[in-house]
Amino acid sequence: MYTNSKIQKSSSKFQNLIIVICVFLIGISANAQCAMCRAALSGDSNTKKAEAVNDGIVYLMVIPYLLVVIIGYLIYRMYKKKKAV
C-alpha cells in the first residue's frame, strides 16, 4: 500500500502542476494576432474587424484549455475514487 510520504509527494506534485498551469493561464494576452492577420487588418477603418479577429483567436485558444482542465479533473476524480475504495 501507499505510505504517507508517497501520498504527500504525489499530492504535492499535483498541487505544483495546478500552480504552474494557473501561472501560464494568467499571462495569456487577449490582443495577440498572427503577422498575416495584423497586415490584413491594419488601419483605422478596420477596427471592428480587428476586434472580431482578436475575439475569434481568444475563443479558439480557450477550447483546448477547457478540454485539458476537464480531462484532468475527471482523472483526478477517478484517482480519488480508487483511493477511497
Protein backbone atom coordinates (compact mmCIF):
# COMPACT_ATOMS: atom_id res chain seq x y z
CA MET A 1 0.00 0.00 0.00
CA TYR A 2 0.91 3.66 -0.05
CA THR A 3 2.87 5.20 2.75
CA ASN A 4 2.18 8.71 3.97
CA SER A 5 5.31 10.07 2.31
CA LYS A 6 4.30 8.69 -1.12
CA ILE A 7 0.81 10.17 -0.81
CA GLN A 8 2.21 13.53 0.24
CA LYS A 9 4.69 13.52 -2.64
CA SER A 10 2.01 12.74 -5.21
CA SER A 11 -0.37 15.36 -3.82
CA SER A 12 2.38 18.00 -3.73
CA LYS A 13 3.28 17.18 -7.36
CA PHE A 14 -0.38 17.61 -8.32
CA GLN A 15 -0.57 20.93 -6.46
CA ASN A 16 2.61 22.13 -8.15
CA LEU A 17 1.17 21.19 -11.55
CA ILE A 18 -2.02 23.14 -10.84
CA ILE A 19 0.00 26.19 -9.75
CA VAL A 20 2.15 26.07 -12.90
CA ILE A 21 -0.94 25.81 -15.12
CA CYS A 22 -2.54 28.78 -13.35
CA VAL A 23 0.60 30.89 -13.77
CA PHE A 24 0.66 30.20 -17.52
CA LEU A 25 -3.04 30.97 -17.90
CA ILE A 26 -2.70 34.34 -16.15
CA GLY A 27 -0.23 35.59 -18.77
CA ILE A 28 -2.43 34.96 -21.79
CA SER A 29 -2.77 38.12 -23.85
CA ALA A 30 -6.13 38.69 -25.50
CA ASN A 31 -4.69 41.03 -28.16
CA ALA A 32 -2.46 38.55 -29.97
CA GLN A 33 -2.54 38.31 -33.76
CA CYS A 34 -0.53 36.47 -36.35
CA ALA A 35 1.50 38.55 -38.80
CA MET A 36 -0.90 37.92 -41.70
CA CYS A 37 -3.95 38.96 -39.68
CA ARG A 38 -2.21 42.10 -38.47
CA ALA A 39 -1.21 43.09 -42.03
CA ALA A 40 -4.68 42.43 -43.42
CA LEU A 41 -6.46 44.36 -40.68
CA SER A 42 -4.12 47.28 -40.15
CA GLY A 43 -5.59 50.74 -40.48
CA ASP A 44 -8.18 52.85 -38.71
CA SER A 45 -11.16 51.74 -40.80
CA ASN A 46 -10.85 48.08 -39.80
CA THR A 47 -11.10 48.39 -36.01
CA LYS A 48 -14.31 46.36 -35.73
CA LYS A 49 -12.89 43.61 -37.92
CA ALA A 50 -9.67 43.58 -35.91
CA GLU A 51 -11.62 43.23 -32.66
CA ALA A 52 -13.64 40.37 -34.16
CA VAL A 53 -10.45 38.58 -35.23
CA ASN A 54 -8.99 39.02 -31.73
CA ASP A 55 -12.16 37.62 -30.17
CA GLY A 56 -12.04 34.65 -32.54
CA ILE A 57 -8.44 33.91 -31.66
CA VAL A 58 -9.21 34.01 -27.94
CA TYR A 59 -12.25 31.76 -28.45
CA LEU A 60 -10.19 29.21 -30.37
CA MET A 61 -7.50 29.20 -27.67
CA VAL A 62 -9.95 28.69 -24.79
CA ILE A 63 -11.38 25.40 -26.09
CA PRO A 64 -8.16 23.31 -25.78
CA TYR A 65 -7.50 24.67 -22.29
CA LEU A 66 -11.02 23.77 -21.19
CA LEU A 67 -10.64 20.25 -22.57
CA VAL A 68 -7.37 19.75 -20.70
CA VAL A 69 -8.89 21.01 -17.45
CA ILE A 70 -11.98 18.81 -17.79
CA ILE A 71 -9.95 15.69 -18.60
CA GLY A 72 -7.57 16.46 -15.74
CA TYR A 73 -10.47 16.85 -13.31
CA LEU A 74 -12.00 13.54 -14.45
CA ILE A 75 -8.69 11.74 -13.95
CA TYR A 76 -8.30 13.34 -10.54
CA ARG A 77 -11.82 12.26 -9.55
CA MET A 78 -11.17 8.68 -10.70
CA TYR A 79 -7.93 8.66 -8.69
CA LYS A 80 -9.79 9.83 -5.58
CA LYS A 81 -12.50 7.16 -6.01
CA LYS A 82 -9.88 4.39 -6.32
CA LYS A 83 -8.08 5.73 -3.28
CA ALA A 84 -11.29 5.71 -1.20
CA VAL A 85 -12.02 2.03 -2.01
